[in-house]
Amino acid sequence: MTYIDNLIFHYLGGITLAALKMWPKAEELFEICVTAPGIVPSAIQLEALKKMRLVQLISRGKTEVLPKYALPSLTRLLKSTPYNAFVNAYPHNINALKEIARKERTLFATVCPGTSRLTSNNTDWICRRKILG
């Protein structure tokens, strides 16, 4: 088993568990992928970080700080993506959140078909939270 095999295994496991709505387990597998030791971050790790943030928003309503042993450059890479804008808009600015989800729908669906479902779950969830609580 190679380093890349390990990343792919945990990333795909997280995708599968997220599709089954097993949020804590999906987050755990994404975190294992994101925090795998290395010198330079892998594209797989960046994708896992994006999905981990969305899963955290669904399951907890907020994101957690990455552990200190995660590569700091991953956070910098995430800042230049629509995922970061989505996470920052959540839950304070519902209109911006819906606009980002609508505007970047093709990106979310192209990168991973399940991602557009995750973003729509988040926008639906925040609306339900506002109504109920």
Protein backbone atom coordinates (compact mmCIF):
# COMPACT_ATOMS: atom_id res chain seq x y z
CA MET A 1 0.00 0.00 0.00
CA THR A 2 1.42 3.39 -0.97
CA TYR A 3 0.90 6.85 0.50
CA ILE A 4 -1.53 7.75 -2.30
CA ASP A 5 -3.45 4.48 -1.76
CA ASN A 6 -3.90 5.45 1.89
CA LEU A 7 -5.21 8.92 0.93
CA ILE A 8 -7.58 7.51 -1.69
CA PHE A 9 -8.88 4.84 0.70
CA HIS A 10 -9.76 7.36 3.42
CA TYR A 11 -11.11 9.95 0.96
CA LEU A 12 -13.42 7.47 -0.78
CA GLY A 13 -14.47 6.05 2.57
CA GLY A 14 -15.45 9.56 3.66
CA ILE A 15 -17.39 10.12 0.43
CA THR A 16 -19.22 6.82 0.89
CA LEU A 17 -20.10 7.50 4.53
CA ALA A 18 -21.23 11.04 3.68
CA ALA A 19 -23.53 9.61 1.01
CA LEU A 20 -24.97 7.33 3.70
CA LYS A 21 -25.34 10.39 6.01
CA MET A 22 -23.00 8.90 8.60
CA TRP A 23 -21.53 12.33 9.31
CA PRO A 24 -19.18 11.65 12.29
CA LYS A 25 -17.57 8.63 10.62
CA ALA A 26 -17.27 10.48 7.30
CA GLU A 27 -15.61 13.40 9.07
CA GLU A 28 -13.18 11.04 10.78
CA LEU A 29 -12.06 9.47 7.50
CA PHE A 30 -11.72 12.87 5.83
CA GLU A 31 -9.63 14.06 8.78
CA ILE A 32 -7.34 11.04 8.53
CA CYS A 33 -6.79 11.88 4.86
CA VAL A 34 -6.26 15.60 5.53
CA THR A 35 -3.79 15.07 8.37
CA ALA A 36 -1.69 12.39 6.70
CA PRO A 37 1.95 13.39 7.11
CA GLY A 38 3.78 14.78 4.14
CA ILE A 39 5.94 17.62 2.92
CA VAL A 40 3.66 18.95 0.20
CA PRO A 41 -0.14 18.66 0.34
CA SER A 42 -1.78 16.34 -2.15
CA ALA A 43 -4.76 17.32 -4.30
CA ILE A 44 -6.60 14.45 -2.61
CA GLN A 45 -5.97 16.05 0.78
CA LEU A 46 -7.35 19.38 -0.43
CA GLU A 47 -10.49 17.67 -1.76
CA ALA A 48 -10.87 15.80 1.54
CA LEU A 49 -10.56 19.10 3.44
CA LYS A 50 -13.31 20.65 1.30
CA LYS A 51 -15.64 17.73 1.96
CA MET A 52 -14.70 17.62 5.64
CA ARG A 53 -15.73 21.28 6.05
CA LEU A 54 -19.11 20.62 4.42
CA VAL A 55 -19.70 17.52 6.56
CA GLN A 56 -18.81 19.49 9.70
CA LEU A 57 -21.33 22.19 8.78
CA ILE A 58 -24.04 19.56 8.33
CA SER A 59 -23.30 17.60 11.49
CA ARG A 60 -22.23 20.38 13.90
CA GLY A 61 -23.29 23.64 12.32
CA LYS A 62 -19.70 24.92 12.42
CA THR A 63 -16.21 23.90 11.39
CA GLU A 64 -13.42 22.84 13.70
CA VAL A 65 -9.82 24.02 13.66
CA LEU A 66 -7.46 21.58 11.99
CA PRO A 67 -5.05 19.75 14.29
CA LYS A 68 -1.58 21.30 14.60
CA TYR A 69 0.01 18.38 12.78
CA ALA A 70 -1.98 19.10 9.58
CA LEU A 71 -0.07 20.79 6.78
CA PRO A 72 -0.58 24.57 7.15
CA SER A 73 -0.45 25.06 3.40
CA LEU A 74 -3.74 23.13 3.07
CA THR A 75 -5.60 25.92 4.83
CA ARG A 76 -3.98 28.50 2.56
CA LEU A 77 -4.98 26.49 -0.51
CA LEU A 78 -8.57 26.20 0.74
CA LYS A 79 -8.88 29.98 1.13
CA SER A 80 -8.82 30.50 -2.64
CA THR A 81 -11.79 28.18 -3.31
CA PRO A 82 -15.56 28.71 -3.34
CA TYR A 83 -15.74 26.20 -0.50
CA ASN A 84 -14.09 28.72 1.81
CA ALA A 85 -16.62 31.40 0.82
CA PHE A 86 -19.42 28.91 1.47
CA VAL A 87 -18.05 28.00 4.90
CA ASN A 88 -17.54 31.67 5.83
CA ALA A 89 -21.10 32.61 4.80
CA TYR A 90 -22.55 29.82 6.92
CA PRO A 91 -24.82 30.43 8.91
CA HIS A 92 -24.75 34.22 9.21
CA ASN A 93 -25.53 35.29 5.67
CA ILE A 94 -28.23 33.04 4.23
CA ASN A 95 -28.60 35.02 1.01
CA ALA A 96 -24.86 34.87 0.30
CA LEU A 97 -24.87 31.18 1.15
CA LYS A 98 -27.65 30.44 -1.33
CA GLU A 99 -26.00 32.64 -3.95
CA ILE A 100 -22.65 30.82 -3.61
CA ALA A 101 -24.40 27.43 -3.80
CA ARG A 102 -26.34 28.54 -6.90
CA LYS A 103 -23.39 30.26 -8.59
CA GLU A 104 -20.94 27.42 -7.97
CA ARG A 105 -23.41 24.58 -8.49
CA THR A 106 -21.59 23.42 -11.63
CA LEU A 107 -18.24 23.45 -9.84
CA PHE A 108 -19.61 21.52 -6.87
CA ALA A 109 -21.29 18.98 -9.16
CA THR A 110 -18.26 18.64 -11.48
CA VAL A 111 -15.68 18.08 -8.76
CA CYS A 112 -17.79 15.47 -7.05
CA PRO A 113 -21.46 14.78 -7.74
CA GLY A 114 -22.18 14.35 -4.02
CA THR A 115 -20.82 17.80 -3.21
CA SER A 116 -23.77 19.63 -4.74
CA ARG A 117 -25.99 17.52 -2.52
CA LEU A 118 -23.87 18.44 0.50
CA THR A 119 -24.13 22.15 -0.27
CA SER A 120 -27.89 21.93 -0.80
CA ASN A 121 -28.19 19.98 2.48
CA ASN A 122 -26.39 22.85 4.19
CA THR A 123 -28.63 25.55 2.73
CA ASP A 124 -31.76 23.53 3.59
CA TRP A 125 -30.45 22.84 7.09
CA ILE A 126 -29.70 26.47 7.87
CA CYS A 127 -33.20 27.50 6.76
CA ARG A 128 -34.75 24.82 8.98
CA ARG A 129 -32.58 25.91 11.91
CA LYS A 130 -33.71 29.52 11.51
CA ILE A 131 -37.37 28.48 11.38
CA LEU A 132 -37.25 26.01 14.27
CA GLY A 133 -34.83 27.63 16.58
